[in-house]
Amino acid sequence: MFFRRKGKLKKEFDDKLVNLIKETKEDLQQAKIIEELQDDYDLSVIAQRKAAESIHFYLFKEARNRRVILK
């Protein structure tokens, strides 16, 4: 009776996690494209790419720990 909501909450937050992973993947791809298109060496663009990369891999690791299936 009291524990029925647990599965529903897990599914809800897993769906949010999957959406965040997809968004960060797009951000990471855009950051990589911007870095490739640059002519000069700019540290802020490299830092932006590395930040997007670390966020994406952290979320991916969290999904793996929670055994979330990405579709």
PDB file of N, CA and C in Angstrom:
ATOM      1  N   MET A   1       0.816  -1.181   0.000  1.00  0.00           N
ATOM      2  CA  MET A   1       0.000   0.000   0.000  1.00  0.00           C
ATOM      3  C   MET A   1       0.869   1.258   0.000  1.00  0.00           C
ATOM      4  N   PHE A   2       1.885   1.307   0.852  1.00  0.00           N
ATOM      5  CA  PHE A   2       2.704   2.506   0.947  1.00  0.00           C
ATOM      6  C   PHE A   2       3.821   2.542  -0.081  1.00  0.00           C
ATOM      7  N   PHE A   3       4.188   1.389  -0.630  1.00  0.00           N
ATOM      8  CA  PHE A   3       5.353   1.320  -1.496  1.00  0.00           C
ATOM      9  C   PHE A   3       5.009   1.286  -2.976  1.00  0.00           C
ATOM     10  N   ARG A   4       3.787   1.478  -3.328  1.00  0.00           N
ATOM     11  CA  ARG A   4       3.397   1.466  -4.738  1.00  0.00           C
ATOM     12  C   ARG A   4       3.953   2.665  -5.494  1.00  0.00           C
ATOM     13  N   ARG A   5       4.122   3.752  -4.821  1.00  0.00           N
ATOM     14  CA  ARG A   5       4.588   4.969  -5.471  1.00  0.00           C
ATOM     15  C   ARG A   5       6.070   4.898  -5.833  1.00  0.00           C
ATOM     16  N   LYS A   6       6.813   4.039  -5.176  1.00  0.00           N
ATOM     17  CA  LYS A   6       8.259   3.956  -5.400  1.00  0.00           C
ATOM     18  C   LYS A   6       8.581   3.645  -6.859  1.00  0.00           C
ATOM     19  N   GLY A   7       7.907   2.675  -7.445  1.00  0.00           N
ATOM     20  CA  GLY A   7       8.160   2.327  -8.841  1.00  0.00           C
ATOM     21  C   GLY A   7       7.778   3.450  -9.777  1.00  0.00           C
ATOM     22  N   LYS A   8       6.712   4.145  -9.444  1.00  0.00           N
ATOM     23  CA  LYS A   8       6.255   5.257 -10.278  1.00  0.00           C
ATOM     24  C   LYS A   8       7.247   6.419 -10.226  1.00  0.00           C
ATOM     25  N   LEU A   9       7.757   6.720  -9.028  1.00  0.00           N
ATOM     26  CA  LEU A   9       8.751   7.787  -8.891  1.00  0.00           C
ATOM     27  C   LEU A   9      10.049   7.434  -9.592  1.00  0.00           C
ATOM     28  N   LYS A  10      10.490   6.188  -9.475  1.00  0.00           N
ATOM     29  CA  LYS A  10      11.721   5.761 -10.129  1.00  0.00           C
ATOM     30  C   LYS A  10      11.601   5.912 -11.637  1.00  0.00           C
ATOM     31  N   LYS A  11      10.461   5.498 -12.182  1.00  0.00           N
ATOM     32  CA  LYS A  11      10.257   5.608 -13.631  1.00  0.00           C
ATOM     33  C   LYS A  11      10.247   7.079 -14.057  1.00  0.00           C
ATOM     34  N   GLU A  12       9.614   7.920 -13.265  1.00  0.00           N
ATOM     35  CA  GLU A  12       9.544   9.340 -13.588  1.00  0.00           C
ATOM     36  C   GLU A  12      10.936   9.974 -13.610  1.00  0.00           C
ATOM     37  N   PHE A  13      11.739   9.688 -12.581  1.00  0.00           N
ATOM     38  CA  PHE A  13      13.071  10.273 -12.529  1.00  0.00           C
ATOM     39  C   PHE A  13      14.018   9.629 -13.528  1.00  0.00           C
ATOM     40  N   ASP A  14      13.810   8.368 -13.851  1.00  0.00           N
ATOM     41  CA  ASP A  14      14.610   7.731 -14.898  1.00  0.00           C
ATOM     42  C   ASP A  14      14.330   8.375 -16.250  1.00  0.00           C
ATOM     43  N   ASP A  15      13.067   8.702 -16.507  1.00  0.00           N
ATOM     44  CA  ASP A  15      12.721   9.386 -17.753  1.00  0.00           C
ATOM     45  C   ASP A  15      13.366  10.768 -17.821  1.00  0.00           C
ATOM     46  N   LYS A  16      13.372  11.472 -16.699  1.00  0.00           N
ATOM     47  CA  LYS A  16      14.034  12.779 -16.659  1.00  0.00           C
ATOM     48  C   LYS A  16      15.532  12.642 -16.909  1.00  0.00           C
ATOM     49  N   LEU A  17      16.123  11.601 -16.342  1.00  0.00           N
ATOM     50  CA  LEU A  17      17.551  11.352 -16.527  1.00  0.00           C
ATOM     51  C   LEU A  17      17.871  11.069 -17.994  1.00  0.00           C
ATOM     52  N   VAL A  18      17.032  10.277 -18.642  1.00  0.00           N
ATOM     53  CA  VAL A  18      17.241   9.967 -20.064  1.00  0.00           C
ATOM     54  C   VAL A  18      17.125  11.240 -20.901  1.00  0.00           C
ATOM     55  N   ASN A  19      16.155  12.092 -20.591  1.00  0.00           N
ATOM     56  CA  ASN A  19      16.013  13.354 -21.326  1.00  0.00           C
ATOM     57  C   ASN A  19      17.224  14.252 -21.116  1.00  0.00           C
ATOM     58  N   LEU A  20      17.738  14.310 -19.895  1.00  0.00           N
ATOM     59  CA  LEU A  20      18.937  15.104 -19.629  1.00  0.00           C
ATOM     60  C   LEU A  20      20.143  14.574 -20.392  1.00  0.00           C
ATOM     61  N   ILE A  21      20.264  13.265 -20.473  1.00  0.00           N
ATOM     62  CA  ILE A  21      21.378  12.672 -21.211  1.00  0.00           C
ATOM     63  C   ILE A  21      21.302  13.043 -22.682  1.00  0.00           C
ATOM     64  N   LYS A  22      20.096  13.001 -23.243  1.00  0.00           N
ATOM     65  CA  LYS A  22      19.938  13.369 -24.655  1.00  0.00           C
ATOM     66  C   LYS A  22      20.272  14.837 -24.880  1.00  0.00           C
ATOM     67  N   GLU A  23      19.844  15.715 -23.964  1.00  0.00           N
ATOM     68  CA  GLU A  23      20.138  17.142 -24.105  1.00  0.00           C
ATOM     69  C   GLU A  23      21.637  17.414 -23.991  1.00  0.00           C
ATOM     70  N   THR A  24      22.279  16.773 -23.034  1.00  0.00           N
ATOM     71  CA  THR A  24      23.711  17.013 -22.861  1.00  0.00           C
ATOM     72  C   THR A  24      24.514  16.422 -24.011  1.00  0.00           C
ATOM     73  N   LYS A  25      24.000  15.371 -24.622  1.00  0.00           N
ATOM     74  CA  LYS A  25      24.686  14.807 -25.787  1.00  0.00           C
ATOM     75  C   LYS A  25      24.661  15.814 -26.935  1.00  0.00           C
ATOM     76  N   GLU A  26      23.516  16.468 -27.125  1.00  0.00           N
ATOM     77  CA  GLU A  26      23.419  17.495 -28.161  1.00  0.00           C
ATOM     78  C   GLU A  26      24.346  18.674 -27.854  1.00  0.00           C
ATOM     79  N   ASP A  27      24.391  19.085 -26.580  1.00  0.00           N
ATOM     80  CA  ASP A  27      25.285  20.176 -26.190  1.00  0.00           C
ATOM     81  C   ASP A  27      26.743  19.808 -26.435  1.00  0.00           C
ATOM     82  N   LEU A  28      27.095  18.572 -26.125  1.00  0.00           N
ATOM     83  CA  LEU A  28      28.466  18.110 -26.334  1.00  0.00           C
ATOM     84  C   LEU A  28      28.815  18.101 -27.817  1.00  0.00           C
ATOM     85  N   GLN A  29      27.898  17.644 -28.645  1.00  0.00           N
ATOM     86  CA  GLN A  29      28.154  17.627 -30.089  1.00  0.00           C
ATOM     87  C   GLN A  29      28.311  19.041 -30.632  1.00  0.00           C
ATOM     88  N   GLN A  30      27.493  19.976 -30.151  1.00  0.00           N
ATOM     89  CA  GLN A  30      27.617  21.359 -30.597  1.00  0.00           C
ATOM     90  C   GLN A  30      28.944  21.967 -30.155  1.00  0.00           C
ATOM     91  N   ALA A  31      29.360  21.661 -28.937  1.00  0.00           N
ATOM     92  CA  ALA A  31      30.636  22.189 -28.439  1.00  0.00           C
ATOM     93  C   ALA A  31      31.800  21.630 -29.251  1.00  0.00           C
ATOM     94  N   LYS A  32      31.721  20.354 -29.640  1.00  0.00           N
ATOM     95  CA  LYS A  32      32.781  19.764 -30.462  1.00  0.00           C
ATOM     96  C   LYS A  32      32.826  20.419 -31.843  1.00  0.00           C
ATOM     97  N   ILE A  33      31.667  20.686 -32.418  1.00  0.00           N
ATOM     98  CA  ILE A  33      31.610  21.330 -33.741  1.00  0.00           C
ATOM     99  C   ILE A  33      32.200  22.733 -33.668  1.00  0.00           C
ATOM    100  N   ILE A  34      31.837  23.484 -32.630  1.00  0.00           N
ATOM    101  CA  ILE A  34      32.370  24.843 -32.467  1.00  0.00           C
ATOM    102  C   ILE A  34      33.885  24.809 -32.310  1.00  0.00           C
ATOM    103  N   GLU A  35      34.385  23.836 -31.556  1.00  0.00           N
ATOM    104  CA  GLU A  35      35.835  23.734 -31.360  1.00  0.00           C
ATOM    105  C   GLU A  35      36.546  23.386 -32.664  1.00  0.00           C
ATOM    106  N   GLU A  36      35.937  22.545 -33.478  1.00  0.00           N
ATOM    107  CA  GLU A  36      36.555  22.167 -34.757  1.00  0.00           C
ATOM    108  C   GLU A  36      36.558  23.324 -35.749  1.00  0.00           C
ATOM    109  N   LEU A  37      35.529  24.168 -35.691  1.00  0.00           N
ATOM    110  CA  LEU A  37      35.412  25.258 -36.650  1.00  0.00           C
ATOM    111  C   LEU A  37      36.273  26.471 -36.303  1.00  0.00           C
ATOM    112  N   GLN A  38      36.841  26.476 -35.129  1.00  0.00           N
ATOM    113  CA  GLN A  38      37.663  27.606 -34.714  1.00  0.00           C
ATOM    114  C   GLN A  38      39.019  27.601 -35.396  1.00  0.00           C
ATOM    115  N   ASP A  39      39.482  28.791 -35.731  1.00  0.00           N
ATOM    116  CA  ASP A  39      40.796  28.919 -36.357  1.00  0.00           C
ATOM    117  C   ASP A  39      41.908  29.085 -35.325  1.00  0.00           C
ATOM    118  N   ASP A  40      41.627  29.847 -34.283  1.00  0.00           N
ATOM    119  CA  ASP A  40      42.657  30.090 -33.279  1.00  0.00           C
ATOM    120  C   ASP A  40      42.402  29.254 -32.030  1.00  0.00           C
ATOM    121  N   TYR A  41      43.356  29.270 -31.135  1.00  0.00           N
ATOM    122  CA  TYR A  41      43.311  28.473 -29.911  1.00  0.00           C
ATOM    123  C   TYR A  41      42.642  29.305 -28.821  1.00  0.00           C
ATOM    124  N   ASP A  42      41.420  28.907 -28.419  1.00  0.00           N
ATOM    125  CA  ASP A  42      40.675  29.646 -27.413  1.00  0.00           C
ATOM    126  C   ASP A  42      40.379  28.728 -26.229  1.00  0.00           C
ATOM    127  N   LEU A  43      40.867  29.112 -25.071  1.00  0.00           N
ATOM    128  CA  LEU A  43      40.707  28.273 -23.884  1.00  0.00           C
ATOM    129  C   LEU A  43      39.264  28.191 -23.405  1.00  0.00           C
ATOM    130  N   SER A  44      38.494  29.241 -23.611  1.00  0.00           N
ATOM    131  CA  SER A  44      37.107  29.217 -23.139  1.00  0.00           C
ATOM    132  C   SER A  44      36.269  28.197 -23.900  1.00  0.00           C
ATOM    133  N   VAL A  45      36.536  28.034 -25.180  1.00  0.00           N
ATOM    134  CA  VAL A  45      35.793  27.049 -25.989  1.00  0.00           C
ATOM    135  C   VAL A  45      36.186  25.631 -25.570  1.00  0.00           C
ATOM    136  N   ILE A  46      37.450  25.431 -25.304  1.00  0.00           N
ATOM    137  CA  ILE A  46      37.916  24.117 -24.861  1.00  0.00           C
ATOM    138  C   ILE A  46      37.344  23.792 -23.484  1.00  0.00           C
ATOM    139  N   ALA A  47      37.307  24.786 -22.608  1.00  0.00           N
ATOM    140  CA  ALA A  47      36.738  24.574 -21.272  1.00  0.00           C
ATOM    141  C   ALA A  47      35.249  24.271 -21.359  1.00  0.00           C
ATOM    142  N   GLN A  48      34.563  24.942 -22.273  1.00  0.00           N
ATOM    143  CA  GLN A  48      33.130  24.689 -22.465  1.00  0.00           C
ATOM    144  C   GLN A  48      32.894  23.260 -22.945  1.00  0.00           C
ATOM    145  N   ARG A  49      33.737  22.784 -23.875  1.00  0.00           N
ATOM    146  CA  ARG A  49      33.593  21.420 -24.368  1.00  0.00           C
ATOM    147  C   ARG A  49      33.866  20.409 -23.261  1.00  0.00           C
ATOM    148  N   LYS A  50      34.915  20.653 -22.490  1.00  0.00           N
ATOM    149  CA  LYS A  50      35.252  19.720 -21.417  1.00  0.00           C
ATOM    150  C   LYS A  50      34.172  19.697 -20.336  1.00  0.00           C
ATOM    151  N   ALA A  51      33.563  20.835 -20.051  1.00  0.00           N
ATOM    152  CA  ALA A  51      32.482  20.880 -19.066  1.00  0.00           C
ATOM    153  C   ALA A  51      31.273  20.099 -19.573  1.00  0.00           C
ATOM    154  N   ALA A  52      30.923  20.286 -20.838  1.00  0.00           N
ATOM    155  CA  ALA A  52      29.793  19.549 -21.420  1.00  0.00           C
ATOM    156  C   ALA A  52      30.093  18.054 -21.442  1.00  0.00           C
ATOM    157  N   GLU A  53      31.333  17.703 -21.731  1.00  0.00           N
ATOM    158  CA  GLU A  53      31.735  16.302 -21.769  1.00  0.00           C
ATOM    159  C   GLU A  53      31.646  15.659 -20.381  1.00  0.00           C
ATOM    160  N   SER A  54      32.116  16.367 -19.368  1.00  0.00           N
ATOM    161  CA  SER A  54      32.082  15.797 -18.020  1.00  0.00           C
ATOM    162  C   SER A  54      30.653  15.665 -17.497  1.00  0.00           C
ATOM    163  N   ILE A  55      29.786  16.622 -17.811  1.00  0.00           N
ATOM    164  CA  ILE A  55      28.381  16.526 -17.399  1.00  0.00           C
ATOM    165  C   ILE A  55      27.718  15.339 -18.079  1.00  0.00           C
ATOM    166  N   HIS A  56      27.973  15.183 -19.371  1.00  0.00           N
ATOM    167  CA  HIS A  56      27.355  14.077 -20.115  1.00  0.00           C
ATOM    168  C   HIS A  56      27.810  12.728 -19.566  1.00  0.00           C
ATOM    169  N   PHE A  57      29.105  12.577 -19.330  1.00  0.00           N
ATOM    170  CA  PHE A  57      29.601  11.294 -18.842  1.00  0.00           C
ATOM    171  C   PHE A  57      29.172  11.015 -17.407  1.00  0.00           C
ATOM    172  N   TYR A  58      29.010  12.069 -16.593  1.00  0.00           N
ATOM    173  CA  TYR A  58      28.501  11.868 -15.236  1.00  0.00           C
ATOM    174  C   TYR A  58      27.068  11.354 -15.282  1.00  0.00           C
ATOM    175  N   LEU A  59      26.233  11.952 -16.118  1.00  0.00           N
ATOM    176  CA  LEU A  59      24.839  11.500 -16.226  1.00  0.00           C
ATOM    177  C   LEU A  59      24.769  10.084 -16.787  1.00  0.00           C
ATOM    178  N   PHE A  60      25.638   9.786 -17.734  1.00  0.00           N
ATOM    179  CA  PHE A  60      25.670   8.436 -18.308  1.00  0.00           C
ATOM    180  C   PHE A  60      26.073   7.411 -17.249  1.00  0.00           C
ATOM    181  N   LYS A  61      27.047   7.774 -16.411  1.00  0.00           N
ATOM    182  CA  LYS A  61      27.486   6.877 -15.341  1.00  0.00           C
ATOM    183  C   LYS A  61      26.361   6.681 -14.323  1.00  0.00           C
ATOM    184  N   GLU A  62      25.641   7.736 -14.011  1.00  0.00           N
ATOM    185  CA  GLU A  62      24.516   7.636 -13.081  1.00  0.00           C
ATOM    186  C   GLU A  62      23.419   6.736 -13.649  1.00  0.00           C
ATOM    187  N   ALA A  63      23.167   6.842 -14.937  1.00  0.00           N
ATOM    188  CA  ALA A  63      22.167   5.975 -15.568  1.00  0.00           C
ATOM    189  C   ALA A  63      22.607   4.518 -15.516  1.00  0.00           C
ATOM    190  N   ARG A  64      23.890   4.286 -15.694  1.00  0.00           N
ATOM    191  CA  ARG A  64      24.401   2.918 -15.630  1.00  0.00           C
ATOM    192  C   ARG A  64      24.277   2.361 -14.214  1.00  0.00           C
ATOM    193  N   ASN A  65      24.547   3.196 -13.213  1.00  0.00           N
ATOM    194  CA  ASN A  65      24.403   2.766 -11.819  1.00  0.00           C
ATOM    195  C   ASN A  65      22.960   2.459 -11.462  1.00  0.00           C
ATOM    196  N   ARG A  66      22.029   3.236 -12.019  1.00  0.00           N
ATOM    197  CA  ARG A  66      20.609   3.033 -11.729  1.00  0.00           C
ATOM    198  C   ARG A  66      19.976   1.994 -12.644  1.00  0.00           C
ATOM    199  N   ARG A  67      20.780   1.438 -13.560  1.00  0.00           N
ATOM    200  CA  ARG A  67      20.329   0.419 -14.512  1.00  0.00           C
ATOM    201  C   ARG A  67      19.157   0.916 -15.374  1.00  0.00           C
ATOM    202  N   VAL A  68      19.343   2.105 -15.912  1.00  0.00           N
ATOM    203  CA  VAL A  68      18.359   2.694 -16.794  1.00  0.00           C
ATOM    204  C   VAL A  68      18.671   2.280 -18.214  1.00  0.00           C
ATOM    205  N   ILE A  69      17.650   1.893 -18.949  1.00  0.00           N
ATOM    206  CA  ILE A  69      17.834   1.478 -20.343  1.00  0.00           C
ATOM    207  C   ILE A  69      17.601   2.694 -21.235  1.00  0.00           C
ATOM    208  N   LEU A  70      18.634   3.063 -22.007  1.00  0.00           N
ATOM    209  CA  LEU A  70      18.525   4.172 -22.948  1.00  0.00           C
ATOM    210  C   LEU A  70      18.017   3.663 -24.282  1.00  0.00           C
ATOM    211  N   LYS A  71      17.036   4.341 -24.812  1.00  0.00           N
ATOM    212  CA  LYS A  71      16.471   3.919 -26.100  1.00  0.00           C
ATOM    213  C   LYS A  71      16.831   4.895 -27.173  1.00  0.00           C
TER     214      LYS A  71
END
